[in-house]
Amino acid sequence: MSYTIKQFAQLVGLTDHTLRYYEKEQLLNPLRSSNGHRVFNQRDIDWIQFILRLKETGMPLKVIKHYAMLLAQGDNTIRERKEILELHQIYLDNKLNEWQGHREKLQQKIDNYHAMCQQRKGI
């Protein structure tokens, strides 16, 4: 199945403008129809969803662009792409640990307030 830029934008939750920007930045490389219109397919959907996941998890656009460039170069860049993703995974693991620590401190404060409320009821 193929999609126009408007259909594709709706499917992936982005604007036409953002998709054109991603294309200009060489993150997307849609096929073109005989009349020059962009044509998107399932592969493009999967790719943009991956880009968005990387972005949403804090990977800088510069690194995503580097990853995309390596991907376009083919299988001889698999090791480099793997390293980029491994480094990002370490970053995410560190962030998860950090957020877990924040959550635990917040829970301690909530527990303290809960105990204080219970004591006030007993007074």
N, C-alpha and C. Protein backbone atom coordinates (compact mmCIF):
# COMPACT_ATOMS: atom_id res chain seq x y z
N MET A 1 0.84 -1.18 0.00
CA MET A 1 0.00 0.00 0.00
C MET A 1 0.88 1.24 0.00
N SER A 2 0.46 2.24 -0.73
CA SER A 2 1.23 3.49 -0.79
C SER A 2 0.35 4.65 -0.32
N TYR A 3 1.03 5.70 0.16
CA TYR A 3 0.33 6.83 0.78
C TYR A 3 0.89 8.14 0.23
N THR A 4 0.02 9.12 0.09
CA THR A 4 0.45 10.48 -0.24
C THR A 4 1.05 11.08 1.01
N ILE A 5 1.65 12.24 0.88
CA ILE A 5 2.26 12.88 2.04
C ILE A 5 1.19 13.22 3.09
N LYS A 6 0.01 13.63 2.65
CA LYS A 6 -1.06 13.96 3.60
C LYS A 6 -1.54 12.71 4.34
N GLN A 7 -1.74 11.63 3.61
CA GLN A 7 -2.15 10.37 4.24
C GLN A 7 -1.07 9.87 5.20
N PHE A 8 0.17 9.95 4.76
CA PHE A 8 1.28 9.50 5.58
C PHE A 8 1.39 10.34 6.85
N ALA A 9 1.26 11.65 6.71
CA ALA A 9 1.32 12.55 7.86
C ALA A 9 0.25 12.17 8.89
N GLN A 10 -0.95 11.90 8.42
CA GLN A 10 -2.02 11.49 9.32
C GLN A 10 -1.70 10.17 10.01
N LEU A 11 -1.19 9.23 9.25
CA LEU A 11 -0.87 7.91 9.80
C LEU A 11 0.18 7.96 10.90
N VAL A 12 1.19 8.80 10.73
CA VAL A 12 2.30 8.83 11.67
C VAL A 12 2.20 9.97 12.69
N GLY A 13 1.17 10.81 12.55
CA GLY A 13 0.96 11.87 13.53
C GLY A 13 1.92 13.04 13.41
N LEU A 14 2.38 13.32 12.22
CA LEU A 14 3.26 14.46 11.98
C LEU A 14 2.63 15.37 10.94
N THR A 15 3.18 16.56 10.80
CA THR A 15 2.69 17.48 9.78
C THR A 15 3.43 17.26 8.47
N ASP A 16 2.83 17.74 7.39
CA ASP A 16 3.50 17.71 6.08
C ASP A 16 4.84 18.45 6.19
N HIS A 17 4.81 19.58 6.87
CA HIS A 17 6.01 20.41 7.03
C HIS A 17 7.13 19.61 7.70
N THR A 18 6.80 18.89 8.76
CA THR A 18 7.82 18.09 9.47
C THR A 18 8.37 17.00 8.56
N LEU A 19 7.51 16.36 7.80
CA LEU A 19 7.97 15.31 6.89
C LEU A 19 8.90 15.88 5.81
N ARG A 20 8.56 17.05 5.30
CA ARG A 20 9.44 17.68 4.30
C ARG A 20 10.78 18.06 4.93
N TYR A 21 10.73 18.53 6.18
CA TYR A 21 11.96 18.85 6.90
C TYR A 21 12.82 17.59 7.08
N TYR A 22 12.19 16.51 7.50
CA TYR A 22 12.92 15.24 7.67
C TYR A 22 13.53 14.78 6.35
N GLU A 23 12.81 15.01 5.27
CA GLU A 23 13.34 14.65 3.96
C GLU A 23 14.54 15.54 3.63
N LYS A 24 14.42 16.85 3.88
CA LYS A 24 15.52 17.78 3.63
C LYS A 24 16.74 17.40 4.45
N GLU A 25 16.52 16.93 5.67
CA GLU A 25 17.62 16.53 6.56
C GLU A 25 18.10 15.11 6.27
N GLN A 26 17.55 14.50 5.24
CA GLN A 26 17.92 13.17 4.77
C GLN A 26 17.60 12.07 5.78
N LEU A 27 16.55 12.30 6.56
CA LEU A 27 16.05 11.25 7.45
C LEU A 27 15.02 10.39 6.74
N LEU A 28 14.36 10.97 5.78
CA LEU A 28 13.38 10.26 4.95
C LEU A 28 13.80 10.37 3.50
N ASN A 29 13.53 9.33 2.75
CA ASN A 29 13.83 9.34 1.33
C ASN A 29 12.69 8.64 0.60
N PRO A 30 11.53 9.32 0.54
CA PRO A 30 10.38 8.65 -0.09
C PRO A 30 10.57 8.47 -1.60
N LEU A 31 9.90 7.47 -2.10
CA LEU A 31 9.88 7.27 -3.55
C LEU A 31 9.08 8.41 -4.18
N ARG A 32 9.21 8.55 -5.46
CA ARG A 32 8.45 9.58 -6.19
C ARG A 32 7.62 8.90 -7.27
N SER A 33 6.41 9.41 -7.43
CA SER A 33 5.54 8.89 -8.49
C SER A 33 6.00 9.47 -9.82
N SER A 34 5.39 9.04 -10.90
CA SER A 34 5.78 9.52 -12.23
C SER A 34 5.56 11.02 -12.37
N ASN A 35 4.63 11.58 -11.59
CA ASN A 35 4.40 13.02 -11.65
C ASN A 35 5.19 13.79 -10.58
N GLY A 36 6.11 13.10 -9.88
CA GLY A 36 7.00 13.75 -8.93
C GLY A 36 6.50 13.85 -7.50
N HIS A 37 5.30 13.33 -7.25
CA HIS A 37 4.75 13.39 -5.89
C HIS A 37 5.41 12.33 -5.01
N ARG A 38 5.56 12.68 -3.75
CA ARG A 38 6.11 11.73 -2.78
C ARG A 38 5.14 10.57 -2.59
N VAL A 39 5.72 9.37 -2.49
CA VAL A 39 4.92 8.16 -2.25
C VAL A 39 5.56 7.43 -1.07
N PHE A 40 4.76 7.21 -0.04
CA PHE A 40 5.25 6.54 1.17
C PHE A 40 4.65 5.15 1.26
N ASN A 41 5.36 4.25 1.94
CA ASN A 41 4.89 2.88 2.09
C ASN A 41 5.09 2.41 3.53
N GLN A 42 4.83 1.14 3.77
CA GLN A 42 4.94 0.59 5.13
C GLN A 42 6.37 0.70 5.66
N ARG A 43 7.34 0.53 4.81
CA ARG A 43 8.74 0.66 5.23
C ARG A 43 8.99 2.06 5.79
N ASP A 44 8.40 3.07 5.14
CA ASP A 44 8.54 4.45 5.62
C ASP A 44 7.83 4.64 6.96
N ILE A 45 6.69 4.00 7.14
CA ILE A 45 5.97 4.08 8.41
C ILE A 45 6.83 3.49 9.53
N ASP A 46 7.36 2.31 9.28
CA ASP A 46 8.21 1.65 10.28
C ASP A 46 9.42 2.51 10.61
N TRP A 47 10.04 3.10 9.60
CA TRP A 47 11.23 3.92 9.79
C TRP A 47 10.91 5.18 10.60
N ILE A 48 9.84 5.88 10.23
CA ILE A 48 9.52 7.12 10.94
C ILE A 48 9.13 6.82 12.38
N GLN A 49 8.47 5.70 12.62
CA GLN A 49 8.14 5.32 13.99
C GLN A 49 9.41 5.06 14.80
N PHE A 50 10.41 4.48 14.18
CA PHE A 50 11.68 4.25 14.86
C PHE A 50 12.37 5.59 15.14
N ILE A 51 12.38 6.49 14.18
CA ILE A 51 12.96 7.82 14.38
C ILE A 51 12.28 8.51 15.55
N LEU A 52 10.95 8.47 15.57
CA LEU A 52 10.21 9.13 16.64
C LEU A 52 10.50 8.50 17.99
N ARG A 53 10.65 7.20 18.02
CA ARG A 53 11.00 6.52 19.28
C ARG A 53 12.37 6.98 19.77
N LEU A 54 13.33 7.07 18.86
CA LEU A 54 14.66 7.54 19.23
C LEU A 54 14.59 8.98 19.75
N LYS A 55 13.83 9.81 19.04
CA LYS A 55 13.68 11.21 19.45
C LYS A 55 13.02 11.32 20.82
N GLU A 56 11.94 10.56 21.01
CA GLU A 56 11.19 10.61 22.26
C GLU A 56 12.00 10.10 23.44
N THR A 57 13.01 9.29 23.17
CA THR A 57 13.83 8.77 24.26
C THR A 57 15.12 9.57 24.42
N GLY A 58 15.18 10.71 23.78
CA GLY A 58 16.28 11.64 24.03
C GLY A 58 17.46 11.57 23.09
N MET A 59 17.38 10.80 22.04
CA MET A 59 18.51 10.78 21.10
C MET A 59 18.50 12.07 20.30
N PRO A 60 19.63 12.78 20.26
CA PRO A 60 19.69 14.03 19.50
C PRO A 60 19.48 13.78 18.00
N LEU A 61 18.86 14.74 17.34
CA LEU A 61 18.59 14.63 15.91
C LEU A 61 19.88 14.43 15.12
N LYS A 62 20.95 15.04 15.57
CA LYS A 62 22.25 14.89 14.90
C LYS A 62 22.68 13.42 14.89
N VAL A 63 22.47 12.72 15.99
CA VAL A 63 22.84 11.30 16.08
C VAL A 63 21.90 10.46 15.22
N ILE A 64 20.62 10.81 15.23
CA ILE A 64 19.64 10.09 14.40
C ILE A 64 20.02 10.25 12.92
N LYS A 65 20.42 11.46 12.54
CA LYS A 65 20.84 11.70 11.15
C LYS A 65 22.07 10.86 10.81
N HIS A 66 23.01 10.77 11.74
CA HIS A 66 24.21 9.95 11.50
C HIS A 66 23.82 8.48 11.34
N TYR A 67 22.91 8.02 12.20
CA TYR A 67 22.43 6.65 12.11
C TYR A 67 21.77 6.41 10.74
N ALA A 68 20.94 7.36 10.30
CA ALA A 68 20.25 7.23 9.01
C ALA A 68 21.25 7.19 7.86
N MET A 69 22.29 8.01 7.95
CA MET A 69 23.32 8.02 6.92
C MET A 69 24.02 6.66 6.85
N LEU A 70 24.33 6.11 8.03
CA LEU A 70 24.96 4.79 8.07
C LEU A 70 24.04 3.72 7.49
N LEU A 71 22.77 3.80 7.84
CA LEU A 71 21.80 2.83 7.32
C LEU A 71 21.75 2.88 5.79
N ALA A 72 21.78 4.09 5.25
CA ALA A 72 21.74 4.24 3.79
C ALA A 72 22.97 3.66 3.12
N GLN A 73 24.07 3.55 3.85
CA GLN A 73 25.31 3.01 3.29
C GLN A 73 25.31 1.49 3.22
N GLY A 74 24.36 0.85 3.89
CA GLY A 74 24.24 -0.59 3.75
C GLY A 74 24.83 -1.39 4.89
N ASP A 75 24.93 -2.68 4.65
CA ASP A 75 25.31 -3.65 5.68
C ASP A 75 26.74 -3.48 6.22
N ASN A 76 27.59 -2.79 5.48
CA ASN A 76 28.95 -2.61 5.98
C ASN A 76 29.01 -1.66 7.18
N THR A 77 27.87 -1.06 7.56
CA THR A 77 27.83 -0.15 8.71
C THR A 77 27.06 -0.74 9.90
N ILE A 78 26.77 -2.01 9.83
CA ILE A 78 25.98 -2.64 10.90
C ILE A 78 26.64 -2.45 12.27
N ARG A 79 27.93 -2.66 12.35
CA ARG A 79 28.64 -2.55 13.64
C ARG A 79 28.49 -1.13 14.21
N GLU A 80 28.65 -0.11 13.38
CA GLU A 80 28.54 1.27 13.84
C GLU A 80 27.11 1.58 14.31
N ARG A 81 26.14 1.09 13.55
CA ARG A 81 24.74 1.32 13.94
C ARG A 81 24.43 0.64 15.26
N LYS A 82 24.94 -0.56 15.42
CA LYS A 82 24.75 -1.31 16.66
C LYS A 82 25.35 -0.53 17.83
N GLU A 83 26.54 0.02 17.64
CA GLU A 83 27.20 0.80 18.70
C GLU A 83 26.38 2.03 19.08
N ILE A 84 25.82 2.71 18.09
CA ILE A 84 24.98 3.88 18.37
C ILE A 84 23.79 3.47 19.24
N LEU A 85 23.14 2.37 18.87
CA LEU A 85 21.98 1.92 19.64
C LEU A 85 22.37 1.42 21.02
N GLU A 86 23.52 0.77 21.12
CA GLU A 86 23.98 0.31 22.44
C GLU A 86 24.27 1.50 23.37
N LEU A 87 24.90 2.53 22.84
CA LEU A 87 25.17 3.73 23.64
C LEU A 87 23.87 4.38 24.09
N HIS A 88 22.90 4.40 23.20
CA HIS A 88 21.60 4.98 23.55
C HIS A 88 20.90 4.14 24.61
N GLN A 89 21.06 2.84 24.52
CA GLN A 89 20.47 1.96 25.52
C GLN A 89 21.09 2.21 26.89
N ILE A 90 22.38 2.42 26.94
CA ILE A 90 23.06 2.76 28.21
C ILE A 90 22.51 4.07 28.75
N TYR A 91 22.35 5.05 27.87
CA TYR A 91 21.76 6.33 28.27
C TYR A 91 20.37 6.12 28.88
N LEU A 92 19.55 5.31 28.21
CA LEU A 92 18.20 5.04 28.70
C LEU A 92 18.22 4.30 30.04
N ASP A 93 19.11 3.33 30.18
CA ASP A 93 19.24 2.62 31.45
C ASP A 93 19.59 3.58 32.58
N ASN A 94 20.52 4.50 32.31
CA ASN A 94 20.89 5.50 33.31
C ASN A 94 19.71 6.40 33.66
N LYS A 95 18.96 6.81 32.65
CA LYS A 95 17.79 7.66 32.88
C LYS A 95 16.73 6.90 33.69
N LEU A 96 16.53 5.63 33.36
CA LEU A 96 15.55 4.83 34.11
C LEU A 96 15.95 4.73 35.58
N ASN A 97 17.23 4.50 35.83
CA ASN A 97 17.71 4.44 37.22
C ASN A 97 17.50 5.77 37.92
N GLU A 98 17.80 6.84 37.22
CA GLU A 98 17.61 8.18 37.79
C GLU A 98 16.14 8.42 38.13
N TRP A 99 15.25 8.10 37.21
CA TRP A 99 13.81 8.29 37.43
C TRP A 99 13.29 7.38 38.53
N GLN A 100 13.84 6.18 38.62
CA GLN A 100 13.44 5.26 39.69
C GLN A 100 13.81 5.85 41.04
N GLY A 101 15.00 6.44 41.14
CA GLY A 101 15.42 7.10 42.37
C GLY A 101 14.49 8.25 42.73
N HIS A 102 14.11 9.04 41.73
CA HIS A 102 13.17 10.15 41.97
C HIS A 102 11.83 9.61 42.46
N ARG A 103 11.39 8.54 41.84
CA ARG A 103 10.10 7.94 42.22
C ARG A 103 10.14 7.43 43.66
N GLU A 104 11.24 6.79 44.03
CA GLU A 104 11.36 6.26 45.39
C GLU A 104 11.33 7.39 46.42
N LYS A 105 12.02 8.50 46.15
CA LYS A 105 12.01 9.64 47.07
C LYS A 105 10.61 10.24 47.17
N LEU A 106 9.93 10.31 46.05
CA LEU A 106 8.56 10.81 46.05
C LEU A 106 7.65 9.89 46.87
N GLN A 107 7.83 8.59 46.71
CA GLN A 107 7.02 7.63 47.47
C GLN A 107 7.28 7.77 48.97
N GLN A 108 8.55 8.00 49.34
CA GLN A 108 8.87 8.21 50.76
C GLN A 108 8.13 9.42 51.31
N LYS A 109 8.10 10.48 50.55
CA LYS A 109 7.41 11.70 50.98
C LYS A 109 5.91 11.44 51.11
N ILE A 110 5.34 10.73 50.16
CA ILE A 110 3.91 10.39 50.22
C ILE A 110 3.63 9.53 51.45
N ASP A 111 4.50 8.55 51.70
CA ASP A 111 4.33 7.69 52.89
C ASP A 111 4.39 8.51 54.17
N ASN A 112 5.33 9.47 54.22
CA ASN A 112 5.42 10.35 55.40
C ASN A 112 4.12 11.13 55.60
N TYR A 113 3.61 11.68 54.53
CA TYR A 113 2.35 12.44 54.65
C TYR A 113 1.20 11.53 55.05
N HIS A 114 1.19 10.32 54.51
CA HIS A 114 0.15 9.36 54.87
C HIS A 114 0.20 9.07 56.38
N ALA A 115 1.42 8.83 56.90
CA ALA A 115 1.57 8.57 58.34
C ALA A 115 1.14 9.77 59.16
N MET A 116 1.47 10.96 58.70
CA MET A 116 1.08 12.18 59.42
C MET A 116 -0.44 12.32 59.44
N CYS A 117 -1.08 12.01 58.32
CA CYS A 117 -2.55 12.08 58.27
C CYS A 117 -3.17 11.07 59.23
N GLN A 118 -2.60 9.88 59.27
CA GLN A 118 -3.10 8.84 60.19
C GLN A 118 -2.94 9.28 61.64
N GLN A 119 -1.83 9.91 61.99
CA GLN A 119 -1.59 10.37 63.36
C GLN A 119 -2.59 11.47 63.75
N ARG A 120 -2.89 12.34 62.80
CA ARG A 120 -3.82 13.43 63.08
C ARG A 120 -5.21 12.91 63.32
N LYS A 121 -5.58 11.82 62.64
CA LYS A 121 -6.90 11.22 62.86
C LYS A 121 -7.00 10.65 64.25
N GLY A 122 -5.87 10.14 64.77
CA GLY A 122 -5.84 9.51 66.10
C GLY A 122 -5.84 10.53 67.24
N ILE A 123 -5.59 11.80 66.90
CA ILE A 123 -5.52 12.82 67.97
C ILE A 123 -6.90 13.20 68.44
